[in-house]
Full PDB file with SEQRES, HELIX, SHEET, SSBOND, CRYST1, ORIGX, SCALE, CONECT and MASTER records, all heavy atoms in Angstrom:
SEQRES   1 A   31  SER SER LEU LYS PRO ARG ASP THR ALA VAL TYR TYR CYS          
SEQRES   2 A   31  LYS GLY THR SER TYR ARG GLY PRO ARG VAL TYR GLU TYR          
SEQRES   3 A   31  TRP GLY GLN GLY THR                                          
HELIX    1 AA1 PRO A    5  ASP A    7  5                                   3    
SHEET    1 AA1 2 LYS A  14  ARG A  19  0                                        
SHEET    2 AA1 2 ARG A  22  TRP A  27 -1                                        
CRYST1    1.000    1.000    1.000  90.00  90.00  90.00 P 1           1          
ORIGX1      1.000000  0.000000  0.000000        0.00000                         
ORIGX2      0.000000  1.000000  0.000000        0.00000                         
ORIGX3      0.000000  0.000000  1.000000        0.00000                         
SCALE1      1.000000  0.000000  0.000000        0.00000                         
SCALE2      0.000000  1.000000  0.000000        0.00000                         
SCALE3      0.000000  0.000000  1.000000        0.00000                         
ATOM      1  N   SER A   1       1.176 -13.956   9.368  1.00  0.00           N  
ATOM      2  CA  SER A   1       1.221 -15.010  10.369  1.00  0.00           C  
ATOM      3  C   SER A   1       1.873 -14.482  11.633  1.00  0.00           C  
ATOM      4  O   SER A   1       2.530 -13.449  11.626  1.00  0.00           O  
ATOM      5  CB  SER A   1       1.993 -16.228   9.834  1.00  0.00           C  
ATOM      6  OG  SER A   1       1.395 -16.753   8.672  1.00  0.00           O  
ATOM      7  N   SER A   2       1.698 -15.236  12.719  1.00  0.00           N  
ATOM      8  CA  SER A   2       2.257 -14.845  14.018  1.00  0.00           C  
ATOM      9  C   SER A   2       1.924 -13.398  14.339  1.00  0.00           C  
ATOM     10  O   SER A   2       2.789 -12.606  14.736  1.00  0.00           O  
ATOM     11  CB  SER A   2       3.767 -15.075  14.041  1.00  0.00           C  
ATOM     12  OG  SER A   2       4.084 -16.431  13.786  1.00  0.00           O  
ATOM     13  N   LEU A   3       0.663 -13.053  14.177  1.00  0.00           N  
ATOM     14  CA  LEU A   3       0.234 -11.668  14.352  1.00  0.00           C  
ATOM     15  C   LEU A   3       0.447 -11.186  15.781  1.00  0.00           C  
ATOM     16  O   LEU A   3       0.317 -11.955  16.743  1.00  0.00           O  
ATOM     17  CB  LEU A   3      -1.229 -11.521  13.964  1.00  0.00           C  
ATOM     18  CG  LEU A   3      -1.503 -11.525  12.455  1.00  0.00           C  
ATOM     19  CD1 LEU A   3      -2.975 -11.781  12.177  1.00  0.00           C  
ATOM     20  CD2 LEU A   3      -1.073 -10.195  11.841  1.00  0.00           C  
ATOM     21  N   LYS A   4       0.764  -9.905  15.878  1.00  0.00           N  
ATOM     22  CA  LYS A   4       0.986  -9.243  17.154  1.00  0.00           C  
ATOM     23  C   LYS A   4       0.035  -8.061  17.279  1.00  0.00           C  
ATOM     24  O   LYS A   4      -0.369  -7.481  16.276  1.00  0.00           O  
ATOM     25  CB  LYS A   4       2.430  -8.746  17.250  1.00  0.00           C  
ATOM     26  CG  LYS A   4       3.477  -9.838  17.086  1.00  0.00           C  
ATOM     27  CD  LYS A   4       4.882  -9.252  17.082  1.00  0.00           C  
ATOM     28  CE  LYS A   4       5.922 -10.345  16.926  1.00  0.00           C  
ATOM     29  NZ  LYS A   4       7.303  -9.792  16.915  1.00  0.00           N  
ATOM     30  N   PRO A   5      -0.332  -7.675  18.505  1.00  0.00           N  
ATOM     31  CA  PRO A   5      -1.219  -6.518  18.669  1.00  0.00           C  
ATOM     32  C   PRO A   5      -0.705  -5.261  17.966  1.00  0.00           C  
ATOM     33  O   PRO A   5      -1.506  -4.473  17.458  1.00  0.00           O  
ATOM     34  CB  PRO A   5      -1.275  -6.333  20.189  1.00  0.00           C  
ATOM     35  CG  PRO A   5      -1.098  -7.720  20.721  1.00  0.00           C  
ATOM     36  CD  PRO A   5      -0.099  -8.367  19.794  1.00  0.00           C  
ATOM     37  N   ARG A   6       0.602  -5.068  17.903  1.00  0.00           N  
ATOM     38  CA  ARG A   6       1.150  -3.888  17.245  1.00  0.00           C  
ATOM     39  C   ARG A   6       1.027  -3.923  15.729  1.00  0.00           C  
ATOM     40  O   ARG A   6       1.328  -2.939  15.067  1.00  0.00           O  
ATOM     41  CB  ARG A   6       2.610  -3.653  17.646  1.00  0.00           C  
ATOM     42  CG  ARG A   6       3.561  -4.799  17.379  1.00  0.00           C  
ATOM     43  CD  ARG A   6       4.971  -4.401  17.839  1.00  0.00           C  
ATOM     44  NE  ARG A   6       5.884  -5.523  17.855  1.00  0.00           N  
ATOM     45  CZ  ARG A   6       6.077  -6.322  18.896  1.00  0.00           C  
ATOM     46  NH1 ARG A   6       5.412  -6.121  20.014  1.00  0.00           N  
ATOM     47  NH2 ARG A   6       6.947  -7.321  18.819  1.00  0.00           N  
ATOM     48  N   ASP A   7       0.576  -5.039  15.167  1.00  0.00           N  
ATOM     49  CA  ASP A   7       0.264  -5.097  13.745  1.00  0.00           C  
ATOM     50  C   ASP A   7      -1.063  -4.414  13.435  1.00  0.00           C  
ATOM     51  O   ASP A   7      -1.385  -4.207  12.260  1.00  0.00           O  
ATOM     52  CB  ASP A   7       0.202  -6.549  13.258  1.00  0.00           C  
ATOM     53  CG  ASP A   7       1.538  -7.263  13.339  1.00  0.00           C  
ATOM     54  OD1 ASP A   7       2.581  -6.619  13.083  1.00  0.00           O  
ATOM     55  OD2 ASP A   7       1.539  -8.467  13.649  1.00  0.00           O  
ATOM     56  N   THR A   8      -1.831  -4.084  14.461  1.00  0.00           N  
ATOM     57  CA  THR A   8      -3.127  -3.452  14.268  1.00  0.00           C  
ATOM     58  C   THR A   8      -2.973  -2.136  13.505  1.00  0.00           C  
ATOM     59  O   THR A   8      -2.229  -1.249  13.915  1.00  0.00           O  
ATOM     60  CB  THR A   8      -3.810  -3.197  15.614  1.00  0.00           C  
ATOM     61  OG1 THR A   8      -4.085  -4.449  16.246  1.00  0.00           O  
ATOM     62  CG2 THR A   8      -5.114  -2.437  15.427  1.00  0.00           C  
ATOM     63  N   ALA A   9      -3.684  -2.021  12.385  1.00  0.00           N  
ATOM     64  CA  ALA A   9      -3.596  -0.848  11.522  1.00  0.00           C  
ATOM     65  C   ALA A   9      -4.546  -1.032  10.355  1.00  0.00           C  
ATOM     66  O   ALA A   9      -5.108  -2.110  10.166  1.00  0.00           O  
ATOM     67  CB  ALA A   9      -2.164  -0.648  11.006  1.00  0.00           C  
ATOM     68  N   VAL A  10      -4.702   0.027   9.572  1.00  0.00           N  
ATOM     69  CA  VAL A  10      -5.349  -0.092   8.282  1.00  0.00           C  
ATOM     70  C   VAL A  10      -4.277  -0.441   7.259  1.00  0.00           C  
ATOM     71  O   VAL A  10      -3.234   0.213   7.203  1.00  0.00           O  
ATOM     72  CB  VAL A  10      -6.078   1.197   7.877  1.00  0.00           C  
ATOM     73  CG1 VAL A  10      -6.700   1.056   6.493  1.00  0.00           C  
ATOM     74  CG2 VAL A  10      -7.149   1.542   8.903  1.00  0.00           C  
ATOM     75  N   TYR A  11      -4.523  -1.459   6.473  1.00  0.00           N  
ATOM     76  CA  TYR A  11      -3.569  -1.905   5.470  1.00  0.00           C  
ATOM     77  C   TYR A  11      -4.049  -1.508   4.077  1.00  0.00           C  
ATOM     78  O   TYR A  11      -5.198  -1.759   3.708  1.00  0.00           O  
ATOM     79  CB  TYR A  11      -3.366  -3.418   5.556  1.00  0.00           C  
ATOM     80  CG  TYR A  11      -2.517  -3.807   6.737  1.00  0.00           C  
ATOM     81  CD1 TYR A  11      -3.045  -3.789   8.025  1.00  0.00           C  
ATOM     82  CD2 TYR A  11      -1.175  -4.158   6.579  1.00  0.00           C  
ATOM     83  CE1 TYR A  11      -2.259  -4.106   9.119  1.00  0.00           C  
ATOM     84  CE2 TYR A  11      -0.388  -4.484   7.668  1.00  0.00           C  
ATOM     85  CZ  TYR A  11      -0.938  -4.453   8.937  1.00  0.00           C  
ATOM     86  OH  TYR A  11      -0.152  -4.776  10.021  1.00  0.00           O  
ATOM     87  N   TYR A  12      -3.145  -0.882   3.326  1.00  0.00           N  
ATOM     88  CA  TYR A  12      -3.449  -0.377   1.998  1.00  0.00           C  
ATOM     89  C   TYR A  12      -2.600  -1.064   0.948  1.00  0.00           C  
ATOM     90  O   TYR A  12      -1.411  -1.297   1.163  1.00  0.00           O  
ATOM     91  CB  TYR A  12      -3.180   1.130   1.912  1.00  0.00           C  
ATOM     92  CG  TYR A  12      -4.038   1.979   2.821  1.00  0.00           C  
ATOM     93  CD1 TYR A  12      -3.646   2.260   4.117  1.00  0.00           C  
ATOM     94  CD2 TYR A  12      -5.244   2.504   2.357  1.00  0.00           C  
ATOM     95  CE1 TYR A  12      -4.425   3.041   4.945  1.00  0.00           C  
ATOM     96  CE2 TYR A  12      -6.028   3.288   3.179  1.00  0.00           C  
ATOM     97  CZ  TYR A  12      -5.615   3.555   4.473  1.00  0.00           C  
ATOM     98  OH  TYR A  12      -6.388   4.343   5.290  1.00  0.00           O  
ATOM     99  N   CYS A  13      -3.212  -1.348  -0.177  1.00  0.00           N  
ATOM    100  CA  CYS A  13      -2.506  -1.878  -1.326  1.00  0.00           C  
ATOM    101  C   CYS A  13      -2.053  -0.723  -2.207  1.00  0.00           C  
ATOM    102  O   CYS A  13      -2.787   0.256  -2.387  1.00  0.00           O  
ATOM    103  CB  CYS A  13      -3.431  -2.816  -2.109  1.00  0.00           C  
ATOM    104  SG  CYS A  13      -2.695  -3.580  -3.569  1.00  0.00           S  
ATOM    105  N   LYS A  14      -0.856  -0.821  -2.748  1.00  0.00           N  
ATOM    106  CA  LYS A  14      -0.301   0.227  -3.603  1.00  0.00           C  
ATOM    107  C   LYS A  14       0.316  -0.372  -4.857  1.00  0.00           C  
ATOM    108  O   LYS A  14       1.033  -1.360  -4.790  1.00  0.00           O  
ATOM    109  CB  LYS A  14       0.762   1.017  -2.844  1.00  0.00           C  
ATOM    110  CG  LYS A  14       1.450   2.105  -3.675  1.00  0.00           C  
ATOM    111  CD  LYS A  14       2.603   2.718  -2.910  1.00  0.00           C  
ATOM    112  CE  LYS A  14       3.347   3.745  -3.736  1.00  0.00           C  
ATOM    113  NZ  LYS A  14       4.522   4.285  -3.019  1.00  0.00           N  
ATOM    114  N   GLY A  15       0.027   0.258  -5.983  1.00  0.00           N  
ATOM    115  CA  GLY A  15       0.679  -0.081  -7.230  1.00  0.00           C  
ATOM    116  C   GLY A  15       1.446   1.116  -7.747  1.00  0.00           C  
ATOM    117  O   GLY A  15       0.986   2.252  -7.619  1.00  0.00           O  
ATOM    118  N   THR A  16       2.613   0.876  -8.324  1.00  0.00           N  
ATOM    119  CA  THR A  16       3.459   1.958  -8.812  1.00  0.00           C  
ATOM    120  C   THR A  16       3.886   1.691 -10.244  1.00  0.00           C  
ATOM    121  O   THR A  16       4.326   0.586 -10.566  1.00  0.00           O  
ATOM    122  CB  THR A  16       4.718   2.122  -7.945  1.00  0.00           C  
ATOM    123  OG1 THR A  16       4.343   2.306  -6.579  1.00  0.00           O  
ATOM    124  CG2 THR A  16       5.533   3.330  -8.396  1.00  0.00           C  
ATOM    125  N   SER A  17       3.756   2.717 -11.082  1.00  0.00           N  
ATOM    126  CA  SER A  17       4.226   2.655 -12.456  1.00  0.00           C  
ATOM    127  C   SER A  17       5.123   3.842 -12.736  1.00  0.00           C  
ATOM    128  O   SER A  17       4.862   4.954 -12.276  1.00  0.00           O  
ATOM    129  CB  SER A  17       3.059   2.667 -13.446  1.00  0.00           C  
ATOM    130  OG  SER A  17       2.277   1.490 -13.342  1.00  0.00           O  
ATOM    131  N   TYR A  18       6.175   3.603 -13.488  1.00  0.00           N  
ATOM    132  CA  TYR A  18       7.106   4.654 -13.874  1.00  0.00           C  
ATOM    133  C   TYR A  18       6.987   4.879 -15.376  1.00  0.00           C  
ATOM    134  O   TYR A  18       7.172   3.954 -16.159  1.00  0.00           O  
ATOM    135  CB  TYR A  18       8.536   4.275 -13.509  1.00  0.00           C  
ATOM    136  CG  TYR A  18       8.732   4.004 -12.041  1.00  0.00           C  
ATOM    137  CD1 TYR A  18       8.624   2.711 -11.537  1.00  0.00           C  
ATOM    138  CD2 TYR A  18       9.010   5.034 -11.151  1.00  0.00           C  
ATOM    139  CE1 TYR A  18       8.784   2.461 -10.190  1.00  0.00           C  
ATOM    140  CE2 TYR A  18       9.177   4.793  -9.809  1.00  0.00           C  
ATOM    141  CZ  TYR A  18       9.061   3.503  -9.324  1.00  0.00           C  
ATOM    142  OH  TYR A  18       9.232   3.253  -7.986  1.00  0.00           O  
ATOM    143  N   ARG A  19       6.682   6.118 -15.757  1.00  0.00           N  
ATOM    144  CA  ARG A  19       6.528   6.490 -17.160  1.00  0.00           C  
ATOM    145  C   ARG A  19       7.307   7.772 -17.404  1.00  0.00           C  
ATOM    146  O   ARG A  19       6.834   8.865 -17.076  1.00  0.00           O  
ATOM    147  CB  ARG A  19       5.058   6.666 -17.519  1.00  0.00           C  
ATOM    148  CG  ARG A  19       4.182   5.473 -17.144  1.00  0.00           C  
ATOM    149  CD  ARG A  19       2.716   5.796 -17.320  1.00  0.00           C  
ATOM    150  NE  ARG A  19       1.872   4.842 -16.631  1.00  0.00           N  
ATOM    151  CZ  ARG A  19       0.580   5.000 -16.418  1.00  0.00           C  
ATOM    152  NH1 ARG A  19      -0.038   6.092 -16.860  1.00  0.00           N  
ATOM    153  NH2 ARG A  19      -0.108   4.071 -15.773  1.00  0.00           N  
ATOM    154  N   GLY A  20       8.493   7.635 -17.988  1.00  0.00           N  
ATOM    155  CA  GLY A  20       9.351   8.785 -18.188  1.00  0.00           C  
ATOM    156  C   GLY A  20       9.676   9.431 -16.853  1.00  0.00           C  
ATOM    157  O   GLY A  20      10.066   8.747 -15.905  1.00  0.00           O  
ATOM    158  N   PRO A  21       9.481  10.760 -16.749  1.00  0.00           N  
ATOM    159  CA  PRO A  21       9.792  11.441 -15.482  1.00  0.00           C  
ATOM    160  C   PRO A  21       8.671  11.342 -14.451  1.00  0.00           C  
ATOM    161  O   PRO A  21       8.837  11.814 -13.317  1.00  0.00           O  
ATOM    162  CB  PRO A  21       9.973  12.899 -15.918  1.00  0.00           C  
ATOM    163  CG  PRO A  21       9.050  13.045 -17.083  1.00  0.00           C  
ATOM    164  CD  PRO A  21       9.106  11.714 -17.791  1.00  0.00           C  
ATOM    165  N   ARG A  22       7.544  10.728 -14.813  1.00  0.00           N  
ATOM    166  CA  ARG A  22       6.398  10.672 -13.927  1.00  0.00           C  
ATOM    167  C   ARG A  22       6.329   9.356 -13.168  1.00  0.00           C  
ATOM    168  O   ARG A  22       6.671   8.294 -13.692  1.00  0.00           O  
ATOM    169  CB  ARG A  22       5.095  10.853 -14.711  1.00  0.00           C  
ATOM    170  CG  ARG A  22       4.951  12.200 -15.400  1.00  0.00           C  
ATOM    171  CD  ARG A  22       4.754  13.332 -14.388  1.00  0.00           C  
ATOM    172  NE  ARG A  22       3.621  13.094 -13.519  1.00  0.00           N  
ATOM    173  CZ  ARG A  22       2.358  13.409 -13.811  1.00  0.00           C  
ATOM    174  NH1 ARG A  22       2.071  13.997 -14.969  1.00  0.00           N  
ATOM    175  NH2 ARG A  22       1.397  13.160 -12.947  1.00  0.00           N  
ATOM    176  N   VAL A  23       5.883   9.455 -11.925  1.00  0.00           N  
ATOM    177  CA  VAL A  23       5.624   8.295 -11.095  1.00  0.00           C  
ATOM    178  C   VAL A  23       4.138   8.259 -10.795  1.00  0.00           C  
ATOM    179  O   VAL A  23       3.581   9.228 -10.273  1.00  0.00           O  
ATOM    180  CB  VAL A  23       6.426   8.332  -9.786  1.00  0.00           C  
ATOM    181  CG1 VAL A  23       6.110   7.114  -8.941  1.00  0.00           C  
ATOM    182  CG2 VAL A  23       7.910   8.423 -10.073  1.00  0.00           C  
ATOM    183  N   TYR A  24       3.506   7.163 -11.120  1.00  0.00           N  
ATOM    184  CA  TYR A  24       2.079   7.011 -10.888  1.00  0.00           C  
ATOM    185  C   TYR A  24       1.863   6.027  -9.749  1.00  0.00           C  
ATOM    186  O   TYR A  24       2.365   4.907  -9.786  1.00  0.00           O  
ATOM    187  CB  TYR A  24       1.370   6.523 -12.145  1.00  0.00           C  
ATOM    188  CG  TYR A  24       1.388   7.523 -13.271  1.00  0.00           C  
ATOM    189  CD1 TYR A  24       2.459   7.583 -14.151  1.00  0.00           C  
ATOM    190  CD2 TYR A  24       0.335   8.417 -13.454  1.00  0.00           C  
ATOM    191  CE1 TYR A  24       2.485   8.507 -15.176  1.00  0.00           C  
ATOM    192  CE2 TYR A  24       0.353   9.337 -14.479  1.00  0.00           C  
ATOM    193  CZ  TYR A  24       1.434   9.383 -15.342  1.00  0.00           C  
ATOM    194  OH  TYR A  24       1.454  10.301 -16.361  1.00  0.00           O  
ATOM    195  N   GLU A  25       1.120   6.460  -8.742  1.00  0.00           N  
ATOM    196  CA  GLU A  25       0.824   5.636  -7.582  1.00  0.00           C  
ATOM    197  C   GLU A  25      -0.681   5.417  -7.482  1.00  0.00           C  
ATOM    198  O   GLU A  25      -1.459   6.359  -7.542  1.00  0.00           O  
ATOM    199  CB  GLU A  25       1.345   6.278  -6.302  1.00  0.00           C  
ATOM    200  CG  GLU A  25       2.860   6.435  -6.279  1.00  0.00           C  
ATOM    201  CD  GLU A  25       3.365   7.039  -4.991  1.00  0.00           C  
ATOM    202  OE1 GLU A  25       2.536   7.574  -4.219  1.00  0.00           O  
ATOM    203  OE2 GLU A  25       4.579   6.979  -4.750  1.00  0.00           O  
ATOM    204  N   TYR A  26      -1.059   4.173  -7.310  1.00  0.00           N  
ATOM    205  CA  TYR A  26      -2.466   3.802  -7.176  1.00  0.00           C  
ATOM    206  C   TYR A  26      -2.673   3.170  -5.808  1.00  0.00           C  
ATOM    207  O   TYR A  26      -1.896   2.306  -5.392  1.00  0.00           O  
ATOM    208  CB  TYR A  26      -2.870   2.821  -8.284  1.00  0.00           C  
ATOM    209  CG  TYR A  26      -2.560   3.314  -9.669  1.00  0.00           C  
ATOM    210  CD1 TYR A  26      -1.375   2.969 -10.301  1.00  0.00           C  
ATOM    211  CD2 TYR A  26      -3.449   4.144 -10.346  1.00  0.00           C  
ATOM    212  CE1 TYR A  26      -1.078   3.427 -11.573  1.00  0.00           C  
ATOM    213  CE2 TYR A  26      -3.161   4.605 -11.621  1.00  0.00           C  
ATOM    214  CZ  TYR A  26      -1.977   4.250 -12.226  1.00  0.00           C  
ATOM    215  OH  TYR A  26      -1.689   4.711 -13.489  1.00  0.00           O  
ATOM    216  N   TRP A  27      -3.715   3.603  -5.125  1.00  0.00           N  
ATOM    217  CA  TRP A  27      -3.993   3.140  -3.768  1.00  0.00           C  
ATOM    218  C   TRP A  27      -5.376   2.530  -3.666  1.00  0.00           C  
ATOM    219  O   TRP A  27      -6.336   3.012  -4.271  1.00  0.00           O  
ATOM    220  CB  TRP A  27      -3.906   4.290  -2.769  1.00  0.00           C  
ATOM    221  CG  TRP A  27      -2.529   4.846  -2.581  1.00  0.00           C  
ATOM    222  CD1 TRP A  27      -1.957   5.872  -3.260  1.00  0.00           C  
ATOM    223  CD2 TRP A  27      -1.557   4.402  -1.629  1.00  0.00           C  
ATOM    224  NE1 TRP A  27      -0.686   6.100  -2.796  1.00  0.00           N  
ATOM    225  CE2 TRP A  27      -0.412   5.217  -1.798  1.00  0.00           C  
ATOM    226  CE3 TRP A  27      -1.542   3.407  -0.657  1.00  0.00           C  
ATOM    227  CZ2 TRP A  27       0.740   5.059  -1.022  1.00  0.00           C  
ATOM    228  CZ3 TRP A  27      -0.404   3.242   0.111  1.00  0.00           C  
ATOM    229  CH2 TRP A  27       0.719   4.069  -0.075  1.00  0.00           C  
ATOM    230  N   GLY A  28      -5.473   1.483  -2.873  1.00  0.00           N  
ATOM    231  CA  GLY A  28      -6.765   0.926  -2.531  1.00  0.00           C  
ATOM    232  C   GLY A  28      -7.393   1.692  -1.385  1.00  0.00           C  
ATOM    233  O   GLY A  28      -6.826   2.654  -0.855  1.00  0.00           O  
ATOM    234  N   GLN A  29      -8.584   1.273  -0.989  1.00  0.00           N  
ATOM    235  CA  GLN A  29      -9.326   1.986   0.051  1.00  0.00           C  
ATOM    236  C   GLN A  29      -8.907   1.597   1.461  1.00  0.00           C  
ATOM    237  O   GLN A  29      -9.256   2.278   2.426  1.00  0.00           O  
ATOM    238  CB  GLN A  29     -10.837   1.743  -0.125  1.00  0.00           C  
ATOM    239  CG  GLN A  29     -11.380   0.461   0.515  1.00  0.00           C  
ATOM    240  CD  GLN A  29     -10.978  -0.809  -0.214  1.00  0.00           C  
ATOM    241  OE1 GLN A  29     -10.427  -0.773  -1.314  1.00  0.00           O  
ATOM    242  NE2 GLN A  29     -11.263  -1.944   0.405  1.00  0.00           N  
ATOM    243  N   GLY A  30      -8.189   0.514   1.599  1.00  0.00           N  
ATOM    244  CA  GLY A  30      -7.721   0.053   2.887  1.00  0.00           C  
ATOM    245  C   GLY A  30      -8.628  -0.985   3.506  1.00  0.00           C  
ATOM    246  O   GLY A  30      -9.831  -1.016   3.260  1.00  0.00           O  
ATOM    247  N   THR A  31      -8.041  -1.838   4.316  1.00  0.00           N  
ATOM    248  CA  THR A  31      -8.792  -2.828   5.068  1.00  0.00           C  
ATOM    249  C   THR A  31      -8.236  -2.887   6.486  1.00  0.00           C  
ATOM    250  O   THR A  31      -7.022  -2.883   6.696  1.00  0.00           O  
ATOM    251  CB  THR A  31      -8.748  -4.217   4.387  1.00  0.00           C  
ATOM    252  OG1 THR A  31      -9.589  -5.135   5.087  1.00  0.00           O  
ATOM    253  CG2 THR A  31      -7.330  -4.774   4.323  1.00  0.00           C  
TER     254      THR A  31                                                      
MASTER        0    0    0    1    2    0    0    6  253    1    0    3          
END                                                                             
């Protein structure tokens, strides 16, 4: 809400899972 011109960008969704010493990151394609 109350969007500003400087908000212009590609927005990506990210999911993160932690499994022992590993960090798994999942990314969407962006919008």
